[in-house]
Amino acid sequence: MEIAPYIATLPALVLVIARLGGMLVFAPVLGESVVPARLRALVAVVLALGVVGQVAAPVRWPQSDGAWVLALAGEFLIGLAIG
């Protein structure tokens, strides 16, 4: 079993999790304070695993830490706007 295809999709998976995490912050049911943060994180990861295969372009790791933080923050803010 080759692990290279899974490692190649890891950057896209992380960015999809960031966007879905932002969406789940303000989701009508899962955004409530009675829902544990671990459950919201689990839902984001499970949904991301199902959605990551639909990402159109291959995503590469950003070259610097600042670019990585900016990409994650951007995806999280887009998720907040959608949610």
PDB file of N, CA and C in Angstrom:
ATOM      1  N   MET A   1       0.845  -1.178   0.000  1.00  0.00           N
ATOM      2  CA  MET A   1       0.000   0.000   0.000  1.00  0.00           C
ATOM      3  C   MET A   1       0.888   1.238   0.000  1.00  0.00           C
ATOM      4  N   GLU A   2       0.666   2.098  -0.969  1.00  0.00           N
ATOM      5  CA  GLU A   2       1.436   3.323  -1.096  1.00  0.00           C
ATOM      6  C   GLU A   2       0.859   4.416  -0.202  1.00  0.00           C
ATOM      7  N   ILE A   3       1.704   5.123   0.498  1.00  0.00           N
ATOM      8  CA  ILE A   3       1.249   6.207   1.368  1.00  0.00           C
ATOM      9  C   ILE A   3       1.397   7.571   0.682  1.00  0.00           C
ATOM     10  N   ALA A   4       2.126   7.631  -0.416  1.00  0.00           N
ATOM     11  CA  ALA A   4       2.387   8.896  -1.111  1.00  0.00           C
ATOM     12  C   ALA A   4       1.107   9.629  -1.543  1.00  0.00           C
ATOM     13  N   PRO A   5       0.079   8.946  -2.075  1.00  0.00           N
ATOM     14  CA  PRO A   5      -1.133   9.687  -2.450  1.00  0.00           C
ATOM     15  C   PRO A   5      -1.827  10.332  -1.252  1.00  0.00           C
ATOM     16  N   TYR A   6      -1.750   9.673  -0.099  1.00  0.00           N
ATOM     17  CA  TYR A   6      -2.382  10.242   1.093  1.00  0.00           C
ATOM     18  C   TYR A   6      -1.616  11.456   1.605  1.00  0.00           C
ATOM     19  N   ILE A   7      -0.303  11.397   1.527  1.00  0.00           N
ATOM     20  CA  ILE A   7       0.515  12.536   1.953  1.00  0.00           C
ATOM     21  C   ILE A   7       0.333  13.701   0.990  1.00  0.00           C
ATOM     22  N   ALA A   8       0.109  13.415  -0.288  1.00  0.00           N
ATOM     23  CA  ALA A   8      -0.089  14.472  -1.275  1.00  0.00           C
ATOM     24  C   ALA A   8      -1.383  15.240  -1.026  1.00  0.00           C
ATOM     25  N   THR A   9      -2.389  14.594  -0.440  1.00  0.00           N
ATOM     26  CA  THR A   9      -3.660  15.283  -0.174  1.00  0.00           C
ATOM     27  C   THR A   9      -3.701  15.926   1.208  1.00  0.00           C
ATOM     28  N   LEU A  10      -2.657  15.786   1.996  1.00  0.00           N
ATOM     29  CA  LEU A  10      -2.646  16.321   3.352  1.00  0.00           C
ATOM     30  C   LEU A  10      -2.798  17.845   3.407  1.00  0.00           C
ATOM     31  N   PRO A  11      -2.119  18.630   2.565  1.00  0.00           N
ATOM     32  CA  PRO A  11      -2.327  20.085   2.633  1.00  0.00           C
ATOM     33  C   PRO A  11      -3.778  20.472   2.343  1.00  0.00           C
ATOM     34  N   ALA A  12      -4.377  19.836   1.357  1.00  0.00           N
ATOM     35  CA  ALA A  12      -5.777  20.141   1.046  1.00  0.00           C
ATOM     36  C   ALA A  12      -6.674  19.751   2.204  1.00  0.00           C
ATOM     37  N   LEU A  13      -6.396  18.628   2.846  1.00  0.00           N
ATOM     38  CA  LEU A  13      -7.200  18.178   3.979  1.00  0.00           C
ATOM     39  C   LEU A  13      -7.141  19.177   5.130  1.00  0.00           C
ATOM     40  N   VAL A  14      -5.968  19.685   5.417  1.00  0.00           N
ATOM     41  CA  VAL A  14      -5.816  20.651   6.511  1.00  0.00           C
ATOM     42  C   VAL A  14      -6.588  21.928   6.205  1.00  0.00           C
ATOM     43  N   LEU A  15      -6.519  22.407   4.974  1.00  0.00           N
ATOM     44  CA  LEU A  15      -7.244  23.627   4.614  1.00  0.00           C
ATOM     45  C   LEU A  15      -8.761  23.406   4.611  1.00  0.00           C
ATOM     46  N   VAL A  16      -9.204  22.237   4.185  1.00  0.00           N
ATOM     47  CA  VAL A  16     -10.640  21.931   4.216  1.00  0.00           C
ATOM     48  C   VAL A  16     -11.125  21.832   5.657  1.00  0.00           C
ATOM     49  N   ILE A  17     -10.323  21.249   6.534  1.00  0.00           N
ATOM     50  CA  ILE A  17     -10.699  21.180   7.952  1.00  0.00           C
ATOM     51  C   ILE A  17     -10.810  22.582   8.536  1.00  0.00           C
ATOM     52  N   ALA A  18      -9.907  23.476   8.156  1.00  0.00           N
ATOM     53  CA  ALA A  18      -9.968  24.858   8.655  1.00  0.00           C
ATOM     54  C   ALA A  18     -11.251  25.542   8.199  1.00  0.00           C
ATOM     55  N   ARG A  19     -11.622  25.352   6.936  1.00  0.00           N
ATOM     56  CA  ARG A  19     -12.848  25.986   6.439  1.00  0.00           C
ATOM     57  C   ARG A  19     -14.087  25.393   7.110  1.00  0.00           C
ATOM     58  N   LEU A  20     -14.133  24.078   7.223  1.00  0.00           N
ATOM     59  CA  LEU A  20     -15.292  23.451   7.869  1.00  0.00           C
ATOM     60  C   LEU A  20     -15.350  23.788   9.353  1.00  0.00           C
ATOM     61  N   GLY A  21     -14.206  23.916   9.995  1.00  0.00           N
ATOM     62  CA  GLY A  21     -14.183  24.322  11.391  1.00  0.00           C
ATOM     63  C   GLY A  21     -14.767  25.714  11.575  1.00  0.00           C
ATOM     64  N   GLY A  22     -14.446  26.612  10.663  1.00  0.00           N
ATOM     65  CA  GLY A  22     -15.039  27.944  10.702  1.00  0.00           C
ATOM     66  C   GLY A  22     -16.538  27.910  10.495  1.00  0.00           C
ATOM     67  N   MET A  23     -16.989  27.039   9.616  1.00  0.00           N
ATOM     68  CA  MET A  23     -18.435  26.917   9.386  1.00  0.00           C
ATOM     69  C   MET A  23     -19.146  26.383  10.625  1.00  0.00           C
ATOM     70  N   LEU A  24     -18.531  25.449  11.308  1.00  0.00           N
ATOM     71  CA  LEU A  24     -19.181  24.817  12.453  1.00  0.00           C
ATOM     72  C   LEU A  24     -19.212  25.710  13.687  1.00  0.00           C
ATOM     73  N   VAL A  25     -18.432  26.784  13.684  1.00  0.00           N
ATOM     74  CA  VAL A  25     -18.475  27.711  14.820  1.00  0.00           C
ATOM     75  C   VAL A  25     -19.836  28.365  14.917  1.00  0.00           C
ATOM     76  N   PHE A  26     -20.419  28.725  13.769  1.00  0.00           N
ATOM     77  CA  PHE A  26     -21.707  29.406  13.759  1.00  0.00           C
ATOM     78  C   PHE A  26     -22.844  28.556  13.208  1.00  0.00           C
ATOM     79  N   ALA A  27     -22.630  27.262  13.077  1.00  0.00           N
ATOM     80  CA  ALA A  27     -23.695  26.388  12.588  1.00  0.00           C
ATOM     81  C   ALA A  27     -24.852  26.392  13.586  1.00  0.00           C
ATOM     82  N   PRO A  28     -26.088  26.349  13.099  1.00  0.00           N
ATOM     83  CA  PRO A  28     -27.244  26.458  13.993  1.00  0.00           C
ATOM     84  C   PRO A  28     -27.276  25.427  15.125  1.00  0.00           C
ATOM     85  N   VAL A  29     -26.988  24.189  14.862  1.00  0.00           N
ATOM     86  CA  VAL A  29     -27.072  23.167  15.906  1.00  0.00           C
ATOM     87  C   VAL A  29     -25.707  22.922  16.548  1.00  0.00           C
ATOM     88  N   LEU A  30     -24.685  22.734  15.733  1.00  0.00           N
ATOM     89  CA  LEU A  30     -23.365  22.393  16.262  1.00  0.00           C
ATOM     90  C   LEU A  30     -22.618  23.589  16.830  1.00  0.00           C
ATOM     91  N   GLY A  31     -23.069  24.792  16.564  1.00  0.00           N
ATOM     92  CA  GLY A  31     -22.403  25.972  17.077  1.00  0.00           C
ATOM     93  C   GLY A  31     -22.822  26.345  18.479  1.00  0.00           C
ATOM     94  N   GLU A  32     -23.791  25.657  19.025  1.00  0.00           N
ATOM     95  CA  GLU A  32     -24.268  25.950  20.378  1.00  0.00           C
ATOM     96  C   GLU A  32     -23.191  25.612  21.407  1.00  0.00           C
ATOM     97  N   SER A  33     -23.251  26.292  22.548  1.00  0.00           N
ATOM     98  CA  SER A  33     -22.232  26.082  23.575  1.00  0.00           C
ATOM     99  C   SER A  33     -22.376  24.738  24.290  1.00  0.00           C
ATOM    100  N   VAL A  34     -23.528  24.094  24.175  1.00  0.00           N
ATOM    101  CA  VAL A  34     -23.715  22.791  24.827  1.00  0.00           C
ATOM    102  C   VAL A  34     -23.040  21.665  24.054  1.00  0.00           C
ATOM    103  N   VAL A  35     -22.691  21.905  22.807  1.00  0.00           N
ATOM    104  CA  VAL A  35     -22.009  20.888  22.001  1.00  0.00           C
ATOM    105  C   VAL A  35     -20.513  20.987  22.288  1.00  0.00           C
ATOM    106  N   PRO A  36     -19.891  19.904  22.728  1.00  0.00           N
ATOM    107  CA  PRO A  36     -18.458  19.948  23.053  1.00  0.00           C
ATOM    108  C   PRO A  36     -17.604  20.270  21.831  1.00  0.00           C
ATOM    109  N   ALA A  37     -16.499  20.951  22.086  1.00  0.00           N
ATOM    110  CA  ALA A  37     -15.586  21.322  21.002  1.00  0.00           C
ATOM    111  C   ALA A  37     -15.003  20.091  20.325  1.00  0.00           C
ATOM    112  N   ARG A  38     -14.797  19.025  21.070  1.00  0.00           N
ATOM    113  CA  ARG A  38     -14.259  17.792  20.467  1.00  0.00           C
ATOM    114  C   ARG A  38     -15.222  17.213  19.439  1.00  0.00           C
ATOM    115  N   LEU A  39     -16.508  17.301  19.721  1.00  0.00           N
ATOM    116  CA  LEU A  39     -17.498  16.795  18.778  1.00  0.00           C
ATOM    117  C   LEU A  39     -17.500  17.632  17.507  1.00  0.00           C
ATOM    118  N   ARG A  40     -17.417  18.957  17.659  1.00  0.00           N
ATOM    119  CA  ARG A  40     -17.345  19.825  16.481  1.00  0.00           C
ATOM    120  C   ARG A  40     -16.100  19.532  15.660  1.00  0.00           C
ATOM    121  N   ALA A  41     -14.971  19.306  16.334  1.00  0.00           N
ATOM    122  CA  ALA A  41     -13.733  18.981  15.626  1.00  0.00           C
ATOM    123  C   ALA A  41     -13.855  17.646  14.903  1.00  0.00           C
ATOM    124  N   LEU A  42     -14.480  16.670  15.555  1.00  0.00           N
ATOM    125  CA  LEU A  42     -14.667  15.360  14.926  1.00  0.00           C
ATOM    126  C   LEU A  42     -15.555  15.467  13.696  1.00  0.00           C
ATOM    127  N   VAL A  43     -16.626  16.237  13.794  1.00  0.00           N
ATOM    128  CA  VAL A  43     -17.520  16.427  12.642  1.00  0.00           C
ATOM    129  C   VAL A  43     -16.764  17.111  11.507  1.00  0.00           C
ATOM    130  N   ALA A  44     -15.934  18.103  11.826  1.00  0.00           N
ATOM    131  CA  ALA A  44     -15.160  18.795  10.790  1.00  0.00           C
ATOM    132  C   ALA A  44     -14.199  17.835  10.102  1.00  0.00           C
ATOM    133  N   VAL A  45     -13.534  16.983  10.855  1.00  0.00           N
ATOM    134  CA  VAL A  45     -12.580  16.038  10.262  1.00  0.00           C
ATOM    135  C   VAL A  45     -13.297  15.008   9.397  1.00  0.00           C
ATOM    136  N   VAL A  46     -14.411  14.477   9.894  1.00  0.00           N
ATOM    137  CA  VAL A  46     -15.154  13.469   9.125  1.00  0.00           C
ATOM    138  C   VAL A  46     -15.691  14.079   7.827  1.00  0.00           C
ATOM    139  N   LEU A  47     -16.259  15.274   7.910  1.00  0.00           N
ATOM    140  CA  LEU A  47     -16.743  15.932   6.691  1.00  0.00           C
ATOM    141  C   LEU A  47     -15.592  16.243   5.740  1.00  0.00           C
ATOM    142  N   ALA A  48     -14.466  16.679   6.284  1.00  0.00           N
ATOM    143  CA  ALA A  48     -13.316  16.998   5.432  1.00  0.00           C
ATOM    144  C   ALA A  48     -12.792  15.767   4.713  1.00  0.00           C
ATOM    145  N   LEU A  49     -12.789  14.630   5.386  1.00  0.00           N
ATOM    146  CA  LEU A  49     -12.338  13.400   4.730  1.00  0.00           C
ATOM    147  C   LEU A  49     -13.241  13.038   3.556  1.00  0.00           C
ATOM    148  N   GLY A  50     -14.514  13.360   3.657  1.00  0.00           N
ATOM    149  CA  GLY A  50     -15.426  13.091   2.557  1.00  0.00           C
ATOM    150  C   GLY A  50     -15.337  14.108   1.434  1.00  0.00           C
ATOM    151  N   VAL A  51     -14.940  15.318   1.752  1.00  0.00           N
ATOM    152  CA  VAL A  51     -14.946  16.412   0.774  1.00  0.00           C
ATOM    153  C   VAL A  51     -13.592  16.606   0.104  1.00  0.00           C
ATOM    154  N   VAL A  52     -12.518  16.207   0.744  1.00  0.00           N
ATOM    155  CA  VAL A  52     -11.181  16.528   0.238  1.00  0.00           C
ATOM    156  C   VAL A  52     -10.932  15.951  -1.157  1.00  0.00           C
ATOM    157  N   GLY A  53     -11.587  14.895  -1.512  1.00  0.00           N
ATOM    158  CA  GLY A  53     -11.416  14.337  -2.852  1.00  0.00           C
ATOM    159  C   GLY A  53     -12.018  15.203  -3.948  1.00  0.00           C
ATOM    160  N   GLN A  54     -12.855  16.150  -3.576  1.00  0.00           N
ATOM    161  CA  GLN A  54     -13.501  17.025  -4.554  1.00  0.00           C
ATOM    162  C   GLN A  54     -12.740  18.318  -4.798  1.00  0.00           C
ATOM    163  N   VAL A  55     -11.609  18.515  -4.120  1.00  0.00           N
ATOM    164  CA  VAL A  55     -10.807  19.721  -4.321  1.00  0.00           C
ATOM    165  C   VAL A  55     -10.251  19.678  -5.739  1.00  0.00           C
ATOM    166  N   ALA A  56     -10.488  20.744  -6.496  1.00  0.00           N
ATOM    167  CA  ALA A  56     -10.189  20.737  -7.928  1.00  0.00           C
ATOM    168  C   ALA A  56      -8.692  20.673  -8.224  1.00  0.00           C
ATOM    169  N   ALA A  57      -7.929  21.575  -7.649  1.00  0.00           N
ATOM    170  CA  ALA A  57      -6.506  21.654  -7.972  1.00  0.00           C
ATOM    171  C   ALA A  57      -5.684  21.029  -6.848  1.00  0.00           C
ATOM    172  N   PRO A  58      -4.569  20.424  -7.181  1.00  0.00           N
ATOM    173  CA  PRO A  58      -3.703  19.917  -6.115  1.00  0.00           C
ATOM    174  C   PRO A  58      -3.136  21.077  -5.297  1.00  0.00           C
ATOM    175  N   VAL A  59      -3.127  20.910  -3.999  1.00  0.00           N
ATOM    176  CA  VAL A  59      -2.660  21.960  -3.097  1.00  0.00           C
ATOM    177  C   VAL A  59      -1.270  21.596  -2.612  1.00  0.00           C
ATOM    178  N   ARG A  60      -0.347  22.564  -2.677  1.00  0.00           N
ATOM    179  CA  ARG A  60       1.011  22.330  -2.204  1.00  0.00           C
ATOM    180  C   ARG A  60       1.206  23.018  -0.862  1.00  0.00           C
ATOM    181  N   TRP A  61       2.164  22.541  -0.091  1.00  0.00           N
ATOM    182  CA  TRP A  61       2.487  23.176   1.177  1.00  0.00           C
ATOM    183  C   TRP A  61       3.027  24.566   0.909  1.00  0.00           C
ATOM    184  N   PRO A  62       2.585  25.561   1.658  1.00  0.00           N
ATOM    185  CA  PRO A  62       3.179  26.901   1.519  1.00  0.00           C
ATOM    186  C   PRO A  62       4.657  26.858   1.886  1.00  0.00           C
ATOM    187  N   GLN A  63       5.437  27.737   1.249  1.00  0.00           N
ATOM    188  CA  GLN A  63       6.884  27.709   1.436  1.00  0.00           C
ATOM    189  C   GLN A  63       7.333  28.310   2.761  1.00  0.00           C
ATOM    190  N   SER A  64       6.530  29.204   3.338  1.00  0.00           N
ATOM    191  CA  SER A  64       6.930  29.834   4.596  1.00  0.00           C
ATOM    192  C   SER A  64       5.830  29.656   5.639  1.00  0.00           C
ATOM    193  N   ASP A  65       6.211  29.833   6.884  1.00  0.00           N
ATOM    194  CA  ASP A  65       5.230  29.717   7.969  1.00  0.00           C
ATOM    195  C   ASP A  65       4.178  30.809   7.889  1.00  0.00           C
ATOM    196  N   GLY A  66       4.580  32.003   7.489  1.00  0.00           N
ATOM    197  CA  GLY A  66       3.634  33.105   7.363  1.00  0.00           C
ATOM    198  C   GLY A  66       2.574  32.822   6.305  1.00  0.00           C
ATOM    199  N   ALA A  67       2.983  32.230   5.206  1.00  0.00           N
ATOM    200  CA  ALA A  67       2.020  31.889   4.149  1.00  0.00           C
ATOM    201  C   ALA A  67       1.070  30.807   4.621  1.00  0.00           C
ATOM    202  N   TRP A  68       1.574  29.881   5.419  1.00  0.00           N
ATOM    203  CA  TRP A  68       0.737  28.800   5.941  1.00  0.00           C
ATOM    204  C   TRP A  68      -0.305  29.356   6.910  1.00  0.00           C
ATOM    205  N   VAL A  69       0.116  30.246   7.812  1.00  0.00           N
ATOM    206  CA  VAL A  69      -0.808  30.866   8.762  1.00  0.00           C
ATOM    207  C   VAL A  69      -1.842  31.709   8.022  1.00  0.00           C
ATOM    208  N   LEU A  70      -1.412  32.420   7.014  1.00  0.00           N
ATOM    209  CA  LEU A  70      -2.325  33.244   6.228  1.00  0.00           C
ATOM    210  C   LEU A  70      -3.347  32.378   5.479  1.00  0.00           C
ATOM    211  N   ALA A  71      -2.908  31.261   4.933  1.00  0.00           N
ATOM    212  CA  ALA A  71      -3.823  30.358   4.227  1.00  0.00           C
ATOM    213  C   ALA A  71      -4.846  29.757   5.190  1.00  0.00           C
ATOM    214  N   LEU A  72      -4.396  29.321   6.370  1.00  0.00           N
ATOM    215  CA  LEU A  72      -5.313  28.761   7.355  1.00  0.00           C
ATOM    216  C   LEU A  72      -6.310  29.809   7.850  1.00  0.00           C
ATOM    217  N   ALA A  73      -5.823  31.010   8.129  1.00  0.00           N
ATOM    218  CA  ALA A  73      -6.711  32.073   8.596  1.00  0.00           C
ATOM    219  C   ALA A  73      -7.719  32.439   7.523  1.00  0.00           C
ATOM    220  N   GLY A  74      -7.285  32.482   6.282  1.00  0.00           N
ATOM    221  CA  GLY A  74      -8.200  32.791   5.188  1.00  0.00           C
ATOM    222  C   GLY A  74      -9.295  31.755   5.048  1.00  0.00           C
ATOM    223  N   GLU A  75      -8.923  30.490   5.110  1.00  0.00           N
ATOM    224  CA  GLU A  75      -9.923  29.425   5.013  1.00  0.00           C
ATOM    225  C   GLU A  75     -10.881  29.457   6.199  1.00  0.00           C
ATOM    226  N   PHE A  76     -10.358  29.720   7.395  1.00  0.00           N
ATOM    227  CA  PHE A  76     -11.218  29.796   8.572  1.00  0.00           C
ATOM    228  C   PHE A  76     -12.196  30.960   8.457  1.00  0.00           C
ATOM    229  N   LEU A  77     -11.721  32.098   7.960  1.00  0.00           N
ATOM    230  CA  LEU A  77     -12.616  33.263   7.796  1.00  0.00           C
ATOM    231  C   LEU A  77     -13.676  33.022   6.725  1.00  0.00           C
ATOM    232  N   ILE A  78     -13.316  32.333   5.661  1.00  0.00           N
ATOM    233  CA  ILE A  78     -14.313  31.975   4.651  1.00  0.00           C
ATOM    234  C   ILE A  78     -15.359  31.055   5.264  1.00  0.00           C
ATOM    235  N   GLY A  79     -14.908  30.101   6.074  1.00  0.00           N
ATOM    236  CA  GLY A  79     -15.847  29.223   6.768  1.00  0.00           C
ATOM    237  C   GLY A  79     -16.771  29.990   7.712  1.00  0.00           C
ATOM    238  N   LEU A  80     -16.218  30.972   8.422  1.00  0.00           N
ATOM    239  CA  LEU A  80     -17.046  31.808   9.291  1.00  0.00           C
ATOM    240  C   LEU A  80     -18.105  32.556   8.487  1.00  0.00           C
ATOM    241  N   ALA A  81     -17.697  33.071   7.330  1.00  0.00           N
ATOM    242  CA  ALA A  81     -18.658  33.815   6.495  1.00  0.00           C
ATOM    243  C   ALA A  81     -19.757  32.896   5.957  1.00  0.00           C
ATOM    244  N   ILE A  82     -19.408  31.679   5.618  1.00  0.00           N
ATOM    245  CA  ILE A  82     -20.408  30.737   5.114  1.00  0.00           C
ATOM    246  C   ILE A  82     -21.332  30.288   6.236  1.00  0.00           C
ATOM    247  N   GLY A  83     -20.743  30.005   7.397  1.00  0.00           N
ATOM    248  CA  GLY A  83     -21.528  29.491   8.524  1.00  0.00           C
ATOM    249  C   GLY A  83     -22.406  30.543   9.098  1.00  0.00           C
TER     250      GLY A  83
END
